[in-house]
Amino acid sequence: MYLETPKKKVNKSSKEVFDFLNDVKNFETLMPQNISKFEVINENRFLFALTGMPEIVLQKKHQTPYSQLTFGAASDKLPFTLTADITEINDTESEVALSFEGEFNAMMAMMIKSPINNFIGTLSDNLAKL
């Protein structure tokens, strides 16, 4: 399953956006209103839970300075990645698109598609407000 948000303009340089997302504690400010738990485990991992959903641990998987950051599930039970693609417009603006990719059976994909779409959409919207 692959989901992607539209590109959102952020009034920060690509380096500023990259540095913000690279600091996992900043994800707490991007989370939806229905977050029930957020905890930084270490500089590369954080745990979060949304109301009515299981806890998820995300960890940094790959990064290309100032253009891409990929986080992945720490558990192999639900293998997925969340990628931020950052494109610089000029020194004070950039665009960010978030994408989610995971391997799920058809039933699971059907159940989680809408909540995941809403989740990454909220992250993207909140990122644009920085």
C-alpha atoms as a PDB file:
ATOM      1  CA  MET A   1       0.000   0.000   0.000  1.00  0.00           C
ATOM      2  CA  TYR A   2       1.348   3.398  -0.983  1.00  0.00           C
ATOM      3  CA  LEU A   3      -0.122   6.737   0.148  1.00  0.00           C
ATOM      4  CA  GLU A   4       1.213  10.221  -0.491  1.00  0.00           C
ATOM      5  CA  THR A   5       0.298  13.740   0.606  1.00  0.00           C
ATOM      6  CA  PRO A   6       0.268  16.653  -1.805  1.00  0.00           C
ATOM      7  CA  LYS A   7       3.373  18.859  -1.590  1.00  0.00           C
ATOM      8  CA  LYS A   8       2.998  21.560   1.046  1.00  0.00           C
ATOM      9  CA  LYS A   9       4.930  24.809   1.077  1.00  0.00           C
ATOM     10  CA  VAL A  10       6.868  25.452   4.293  1.00  0.00           C
ATOM     11  CA  ASN A  11       8.277  28.885   5.084  1.00  0.00           C
ATOM     12  CA  LYS A  12      11.649  27.431   6.002  1.00  0.00           C
ATOM     13  CA  SER A  13      14.710  26.403   4.013  1.00  0.00           C
ATOM     14  CA  SER A  14      15.192  22.745   3.141  1.00  0.00           C
ATOM     15  CA  LYS A  15      17.993  22.585   5.745  1.00  0.00           C
ATOM     16  CA  GLU A  16      15.701  23.989   8.470  1.00  0.00           C
ATOM     17  CA  VAL A  17      12.914  21.517   7.598  1.00  0.00           C
ATOM     18  CA  PHE A  18      15.381  18.625   7.450  1.00  0.00           C
ATOM     19  CA  ASP A  19      16.929  19.570  10.804  1.00  0.00           C
ATOM     20  CA  PHE A  20      13.450  19.930  12.359  1.00  0.00           C
ATOM     21  CA  LEU A  21      12.334  16.476  11.183  1.00  0.00           C
ATOM     22  CA  ASN A  22      15.685  14.916  12.033  1.00  0.00           C
ATOM     23  CA  ASP A  23      15.087  15.785  15.709  1.00  0.00           C
ATOM     24  CA  VAL A  24      12.494  13.143  16.639  1.00  0.00           C
ATOM     25  CA  LYS A  25      11.138  15.112  19.623  1.00  0.00           C
ATOM     26  CA  ASN A  26       9.753  17.678  17.136  1.00  0.00           C
ATOM     27  CA  PHE A  27       7.270  15.121  15.822  1.00  0.00           C
ATOM     28  CA  GLU A  28       5.164  15.724  18.921  1.00  0.00           C
ATOM     29  CA  THR A  29       4.267  19.184  17.552  1.00  0.00           C
ATOM     30  CA  LEU A  30       3.145  17.641  14.247  1.00  0.00           C
ATOM     31  CA  MET A  31       0.891  14.971  15.743  1.00  0.00           C
ATOM     32  CA  PRO A  32      -2.909  15.043  15.421  1.00  0.00           C
ATOM     33  CA  GLN A  33      -5.154  16.243  18.253  1.00  0.00           C
ATOM     34  CA  ASN A  34      -6.155  12.660  19.098  1.00  0.00           C
ATOM     35  CA  ILE A  35      -2.664  11.657  20.232  1.00  0.00           C
ATOM     36  CA  SER A  36      -2.827   9.702  23.465  1.00  0.00           C
ATOM     37  CA  LYS A  37       0.897   9.061  23.975  1.00  0.00           C
ATOM     38  CA  PHE A  38       4.212  10.427  22.713  1.00  0.00           C
ATOM     39  CA  GLU A  39       7.596   9.394  24.046  1.00  0.00           C
ATOM     40  CA  VAL A  40      11.135   9.909  22.750  1.00  0.00           C
ATOM     41  CA  ILE A  41      13.042   6.651  23.201  1.00  0.00           C
ATOM     42  CA  ASN A  42      16.405   7.929  21.926  1.00  0.00           C
ATOM     43  CA  GLU A  43      17.699  10.333  19.280  1.00  0.00           C
ATOM     44  CA  ASN A  44      16.610   7.959  16.505  1.00  0.00           C
ATOM     45  CA  ARG A  45      13.342   6.505  17.859  1.00  0.00           C
ATOM     46  CA  PHE A  46      10.032   7.659  19.210  1.00  0.00           C
ATOM     47  CA  LEU A  47       6.810   6.013  20.272  1.00  0.00           C
ATOM     48  CA  PHE A  48       3.340   7.388  19.710  1.00  0.00           C
ATOM     49  CA  ALA A  49      -0.240   6.253  20.004  1.00  0.00           C
ATOM     50  CA  LEU A  50      -3.443   7.757  18.688  1.00  0.00           C
ATOM     51  CA  THR A  51      -6.703   7.258  20.521  1.00  0.00           C
ATOM     52  CA  GLY A  52      -8.069   3.799  19.717  1.00  0.00           C
ATOM     53  CA  MET A  53      -4.911   2.691  17.886  1.00  0.00           C
ATOM     54  CA  PRO A  54      -1.963   0.572  19.064  1.00  0.00           C
ATOM     55  CA  GLU A  55       1.355   2.138  20.036  1.00  0.00           C
ATOM     56  CA  ILE A  56       3.799   2.525  17.146  1.00  0.00           C
ATOM     57  CA  VAL A  57       7.552   2.952  17.412  1.00  0.00           C
ATOM     58  CA  LEU A  58       9.186   4.825  14.534  1.00  0.00           C
ATOM     59  CA  GLN A  59      12.912   4.941  13.977  1.00  0.00           C
ATOM     60  CA  LYS A  60      15.143   6.721  11.489  1.00  0.00           C
ATOM     61  CA  LYS A  61      16.043   4.392   8.628  1.00  0.00           C
ATOM     62  CA  HIS A  62      17.678   6.550   5.983  1.00  0.00           C
ATOM     63  CA  GLN A  63      18.529  10.172   5.375  1.00  0.00           C
ATOM     64  CA  THR A  64      19.852  12.281   2.549  1.00  0.00           C
ATOM     65  CA  PRO A  65      20.767  15.652   4.076  1.00  0.00           C
ATOM     66  CA  TYR A  66      18.314  18.421   3.309  1.00  0.00           C
ATOM     67  CA  SER A  67      16.230  16.431   0.805  1.00  0.00           C
ATOM     68  CA  GLN A  68      14.897  13.206   2.336  1.00  0.00           C
ATOM     69  CA  LEU A  69      14.280  11.492   5.671  1.00  0.00           C
ATOM     70  CA  THR A  70      12.823   8.007   6.013  1.00  0.00           C
ATOM     71  CA  PHE A  71      11.405   6.576   9.203  1.00  0.00           C
ATOM     72  CA  GLY A  72      10.282   3.006   9.584  1.00  0.00           C
ATOM     73  CA  ALA A  73       8.373   0.866  12.010  1.00  0.00           C
ATOM     74  CA  ALA A  74      10.672  -0.611  14.642  1.00  0.00           C
ATOM     75  CA  SER A  75       8.571  -3.781  14.676  1.00  0.00           C
ATOM     76  CA  ASP A  76       8.466  -6.304  11.853  1.00  0.00           C
ATOM     77  CA  LYS A  77       4.816  -7.076  12.646  1.00  0.00           C
ATOM     78  CA  LEU A  78       3.649  -4.026  10.676  1.00  0.00           C
ATOM     79  CA  PRO A  79       6.415  -3.226   8.200  1.00  0.00           C
ATOM     80  CA  PHE A  80       6.094   0.290   6.799  1.00  0.00           C
ATOM     81  CA  THR A  81       8.041   3.459   6.083  1.00  0.00           C
ATOM     82  CA  LEU A  82       7.179   7.130   6.367  1.00  0.00           C
ATOM     83  CA  THR A  83       9.271   9.306   4.059  1.00  0.00           C
ATOM     84  CA  ALA A  84       9.584  13.093   3.912  1.00  0.00           C
ATOM     85  CA  ASP A  85      10.764  14.405   0.542  1.00  0.00           C
ATOM     86  CA  ILE A  86      11.992  17.998   0.855  1.00  0.00           C
ATOM     87  CA  THR A  87      12.474  20.245  -2.175  1.00  0.00           C
ATOM     88  CA  GLU A  88      14.074  23.659  -1.794  1.00  0.00           C
ATOM     89  CA  ILE A  89      12.233  26.514  -3.506  1.00  0.00           C
ATOM     90  CA  ASN A  90      14.604  29.261  -2.322  1.00  0.00           C
ATOM     91  CA  ASP A  91      16.586  30.221   0.800  1.00  0.00           C
ATOM     92  CA  THR A  92      13.462  30.696   2.913  1.00  0.00           C
ATOM     93  CA  GLU A  93      10.927  28.268   1.409  1.00  0.00           C
ATOM     94  CA  SER A  94      10.701  24.592   0.628  1.00  0.00           C
ATOM     95  CA  GLU A  95       8.073  22.013  -0.277  1.00  0.00           C
ATOM     96  CA  VAL A  96       7.513  18.778   1.603  1.00  0.00           C
ATOM     97  CA  ALA A  97       5.610  15.687   0.515  1.00  0.00           C
ATOM     98  CA  LEU A  98       5.072  12.791   2.906  1.00  0.00           C
ATOM     99  CA  SER A  99       4.641   9.234   1.700  1.00  0.00           C
ATOM    100  CA  PHE A 100       3.670   6.061   3.495  1.00  0.00           C
ATOM    101  CA  GLU A 101       4.524   2.625   2.163  1.00  0.00           C
ATOM    102  CA  GLY A 102       3.680  -0.649   3.835  1.00  0.00           C
ATOM    103  CA  GLU A 103       3.106  -4.312   3.150  1.00  0.00           C
ATOM    104  CA  PHE A 104      -0.288  -5.352   4.441  1.00  0.00           C
ATOM    105  CA  ASN A 105      -2.817  -7.985   3.496  1.00  0.00           C
ATOM    106  CA  ALA A 106      -5.920  -6.699   1.682  1.00  0.00           C
ATOM    107  CA  MET A 107      -8.126  -6.730   4.780  1.00  0.00           C
ATOM    108  CA  MET A 108      -5.598  -4.840   6.920  1.00  0.00           C
ATOM    109  CA  ALA A 109      -4.953  -2.346   4.107  1.00  0.00           C
ATOM    110  CA  MET A 110      -8.660  -1.643   3.795  1.00  0.00           C
ATOM    111  CA  MET A 111      -8.979  -1.047   7.554  1.00  0.00           C
ATOM    112  CA  ILE A 112      -5.980   1.263   7.936  1.00  0.00           C
ATOM    113  CA  LYS A 113      -6.005   3.200   4.654  1.00  0.00           C
ATOM    114  CA  SER A 114      -8.302   5.994   5.841  1.00  0.00           C
ATOM    115  CA  PRO A 115      -6.705   6.473   9.303  1.00  0.00           C
ATOM    116  CA  ILE A 116      -3.197   6.477   7.781  1.00  0.00           C
ATOM    117  CA  ASN A 117      -4.258   8.960   5.089  1.00  0.00           C
ATOM    118  CA  ASN A 118      -5.700  11.234   7.790  1.00  0.00           C
ATOM    119  CA  PHE A 119      -2.580  10.824   9.918  1.00  0.00           C
ATOM    120  CA  ILE A 120      -0.041  11.740   7.229  1.00  0.00           C
ATOM    121  CA  GLY A 121      -2.340  14.531   6.026  1.00  0.00           C
ATOM    122  CA  THR A 122      -2.332  16.041   9.525  1.00  0.00           C
ATOM    123  CA  LEU A 123       1.452  15.723   9.783  1.00  0.00           C
ATOM    124  CA  SER A 124       1.773  17.489   6.428  1.00  0.00           C
ATOM    125  CA  ASP A 125      -0.702  20.248   7.363  1.00  0.00           C
ATOM    126  CA  ASN A 126       1.050  20.877  10.684  1.00  0.00           C
ATOM    127  CA  LEU A 127       4.448  20.929   8.990  1.00  0.00           C
ATOM    128  CA  ALA A 128       3.196  23.629   6.604  1.00  0.00           C
ATOM    129  CA  LYS A 129       2.308  25.785   9.648  1.00  0.00           C
ATOM    130  CA  LEU A 130       5.890  25.905  10.940  1.00  0.00           C
END
